[in-house]
Amino acid sequence: MRTINPGLFARLMRLPETARTDLLEFLGATPIADAQLSSMIDTMAEKVGTDRRSARFEPN
């Protein structure tokens, strides 16, 4: 069993629950290098941030 780098794990745990769950399930089934995991976390965090910004209501 391969463990997750503690720094990457901390970053992963800061993601929203749905994104975090999806990524943890993927990691349980697929071996992945630290650099690739870091990139995936960055991409998911960026996507979540974009989704949150677009969901905000603008004042009239």
N, C-alpha and C. Protein backbone atom coordinates (compact mmCIF):
# COMPACT_ATOMS: atom_id res chain seq x y z
N MET A 1 0.84 -1.17 0.00
CA MET A 1 0.00 0.00 0.00
C MET A 1 0.89 1.24 0.00
N ARG A 2 0.62 2.15 -0.88
CA ARG A 2 1.37 3.41 -0.98
C ARG A 2 0.65 4.49 -0.19
N THR A 3 1.41 5.29 0.53
CA THR A 3 0.81 6.38 1.29
C THR A 3 0.89 7.68 0.50
N ILE A 4 0.04 8.63 0.88
CA ILE A 4 0.01 9.94 0.23
C ILE A 4 0.98 10.86 0.97
N ASN A 5 1.72 11.64 0.23
CA ASN A 5 2.60 12.65 0.80
C ASN A 5 1.77 13.52 1.75
N PRO A 6 2.24 13.75 2.99
CA PRO A 6 1.45 14.51 3.96
C PRO A 6 1.04 15.91 3.49
N GLY A 7 1.92 16.59 2.77
CA GLY A 7 1.59 17.92 2.26
C GLY A 7 0.48 17.86 1.23
N LEU A 8 0.55 16.86 0.35
CA LEU A 8 -0.49 16.69 -0.67
C LEU A 8 -1.81 16.29 -0.01
N PHE A 9 -1.73 15.45 1.01
CA PHE A 9 -2.94 15.03 1.72
C PHE A 9 -3.62 16.24 2.36
N ALA A 10 -2.83 17.12 2.96
CA ALA A 10 -3.40 18.32 3.58
C ALA A 10 -4.09 19.19 2.54
N ARG A 11 -3.46 19.35 1.38
CA ARG A 11 -4.09 20.14 0.30
C ARG A 11 -5.36 19.48 -0.19
N LEU A 12 -5.32 18.17 -0.34
CA LEU A 12 -6.49 17.42 -0.79
C LEU A 12 -7.66 17.59 0.19
N MET A 13 -7.36 17.59 1.49
CA MET A 13 -8.40 17.68 2.50
C MET A 13 -9.04 19.07 2.55
N ARG A 14 -8.41 20.07 1.95
CA ARG A 14 -8.99 21.41 1.89
C ARG A 14 -10.02 21.55 0.78
N LEU A 15 -10.08 20.57 -0.13
CA LEU A 15 -11.07 20.61 -1.20
C LEU A 15 -12.47 20.39 -0.62
N PRO A 16 -13.50 20.87 -1.32
CA PRO A 16 -14.86 20.59 -0.86
C PRO A 16 -15.11 19.08 -0.82
N GLU A 17 -16.07 18.68 -0.01
CA GLU A 17 -16.30 17.26 0.24
C GLU A 17 -16.50 16.43 -1.03
N THR A 18 -17.29 16.90 -1.96
CA THR A 18 -17.55 16.10 -3.17
C THR A 18 -16.28 15.89 -4.00
N ALA A 19 -15.51 16.97 -4.18
CA ALA A 19 -14.26 16.86 -4.94
C ALA A 19 -13.27 15.97 -4.21
N ARG A 20 -13.20 16.14 -2.89
CA ARG A 20 -12.28 15.34 -2.07
C ARG A 20 -12.64 13.87 -2.16
N THR A 21 -13.91 13.54 -2.05
CA THR A 21 -14.37 12.15 -2.11
C THR A 21 -14.02 11.53 -3.47
N ASP A 22 -14.30 12.26 -4.54
CA ASP A 22 -14.00 11.75 -5.89
C ASP A 22 -12.51 11.47 -6.04
N LEU A 23 -11.69 12.38 -5.59
CA LEU A 23 -10.25 12.21 -5.73
C LEU A 23 -9.73 11.07 -4.86
N LEU A 24 -10.23 10.95 -3.64
CA LEU A 24 -9.81 9.85 -2.77
C LEU A 24 -10.21 8.50 -3.35
N GLU A 25 -11.40 8.42 -3.93
CA GLU A 25 -11.82 7.16 -4.57
C GLU A 25 -10.91 6.82 -5.75
N PHE A 26 -10.56 7.83 -6.53
CA PHE A 26 -9.65 7.63 -7.66
C PHE A 26 -8.30 7.13 -7.17
N LEU A 27 -7.78 7.77 -6.11
CA LEU A 27 -6.47 7.38 -5.57
C LEU A 27 -6.48 5.96 -5.02
N GLY A 28 -7.62 5.52 -4.51
CA GLY A 28 -7.72 4.16 -4.00
C GLY A 28 -7.64 3.11 -5.09
N ALA A 29 -7.97 3.50 -6.31
CA ALA A 29 -8.01 2.54 -7.41
C ALA A 29 -6.86 2.69 -8.40
N THR A 30 -6.13 3.80 -8.33
CA THR A 30 -5.13 4.09 -9.35
C THR A 30 -3.82 4.56 -8.73
N PRO A 31 -2.72 3.90 -9.07
CA PRO A 31 -1.42 4.42 -8.60
C PRO A 31 -1.11 5.73 -9.33
N ILE A 32 -0.60 6.71 -8.60
CA ILE A 32 -0.36 8.02 -9.19
C ILE A 32 0.88 8.65 -8.54
N ALA A 33 1.67 9.33 -9.34
CA ALA A 33 2.87 10.00 -8.84
C ALA A 33 2.48 11.28 -8.10
N ASP A 34 3.34 11.70 -7.17
CA ASP A 34 3.08 12.91 -6.39
C ASP A 34 2.87 14.13 -7.29
N ALA A 35 3.68 14.27 -8.32
CA ALA A 35 3.57 15.43 -9.20
C ALA A 35 2.21 15.46 -9.91
N GLN A 36 1.74 14.29 -10.33
CA GLN A 36 0.45 14.22 -11.00
C GLN A 36 -0.68 14.51 -10.02
N LEU A 37 -0.57 14.00 -8.80
CA LEU A 37 -1.59 14.27 -7.78
C LEU A 37 -1.63 15.76 -7.47
N SER A 38 -0.48 16.38 -7.35
CA SER A 38 -0.42 17.82 -7.10
C SER A 38 -1.13 18.59 -8.20
N SER A 39 -0.88 18.22 -9.43
CA SER A 39 -1.53 18.87 -10.57
C SER A 39 -3.05 18.66 -10.53
N MET A 40 -3.48 17.47 -10.18
CA MET A 40 -4.93 17.20 -10.10
C MET A 40 -5.58 18.03 -9.00
N ILE A 41 -4.92 18.16 -7.88
CA ILE A 41 -5.45 18.97 -6.77
C ILE A 41 -5.56 20.43 -7.22
N ASP A 42 -4.53 20.93 -7.89
CA ASP A 42 -4.56 22.31 -8.39
C ASP A 42 -5.72 22.51 -9.36
N THR A 43 -5.89 21.58 -10.27
CA THR A 43 -6.96 21.67 -11.26
C THR A 43 -8.33 21.65 -10.59
N MET A 44 -8.52 20.74 -9.63
CA MET A 44 -9.81 20.65 -8.95
C MET A 44 -10.07 21.91 -8.12
N ALA A 45 -9.05 22.42 -7.45
CA ALA A 45 -9.22 23.64 -6.64
C ALA A 45 -9.57 24.82 -7.54
N GLU A 46 -8.93 24.90 -8.69
CA GLU A 46 -9.23 25.98 -9.63
C GLU A 46 -10.65 25.86 -10.16
N LYS A 47 -11.06 24.65 -10.50
CA LYS A 47 -12.41 24.41 -11.01
C LYS A 47 -13.45 24.77 -9.96
N VAL A 48 -13.23 24.35 -8.72
CA VAL A 48 -14.17 24.66 -7.64
C VAL A 48 -14.24 26.17 -7.43
N GLY A 49 -13.09 26.84 -7.45
CA GLY A 49 -13.07 28.29 -7.30
C GLY A 49 -13.83 28.98 -8.41
N THR A 50 -13.67 28.51 -9.63
CA THR A 50 -14.38 29.07 -10.77
C THR A 50 -15.87 28.85 -10.63
N ASP A 51 -16.27 27.64 -10.21
CA ASP A 51 -17.68 27.35 -10.02
C ASP A 51 -18.29 28.23 -8.95
N ARG A 52 -17.58 28.44 -7.86
CA ARG A 52 -18.09 29.28 -6.77
C ARG A 52 -18.25 30.72 -7.21
N ARG A 53 -17.27 31.23 -7.97
CA ARG A 53 -17.36 32.62 -8.43
C ARG A 53 -18.54 32.80 -9.38
N SER A 54 -18.78 31.84 -10.26
CA SER A 54 -19.87 31.98 -11.22
C SER A 54 -21.23 31.79 -10.57
N ALA A 55 -21.29 31.13 -9.40
CA ALA A 55 -22.55 30.90 -8.71
C ALA A 55 -22.98 32.10 -7.87
N ARG A 56 -22.09 33.04 -7.63
CA ARG A 56 -22.45 34.21 -6.83
C ARG A 56 -23.40 35.10 -7.63
N PHE A 57 -24.33 35.66 -6.92
CA PHE A 57 -25.27 36.55 -7.57
C PHE A 57 -24.70 37.97 -7.61
N GLU A 58 -24.83 38.59 -8.72
CA GLU A 58 -24.39 39.97 -8.87
C GLU A 58 -25.53 40.89 -8.47
N PRO A 59 -25.23 42.01 -7.80
CA PRO A 59 -26.30 42.95 -7.44
C PRO A 59 -26.89 43.59 -8.68
N ASN A 60 -28.17 43.92 -8.60
CA ASN A 60 -28.86 44.55 -9.75
C ASN A 60 -28.53 46.00 -9.85
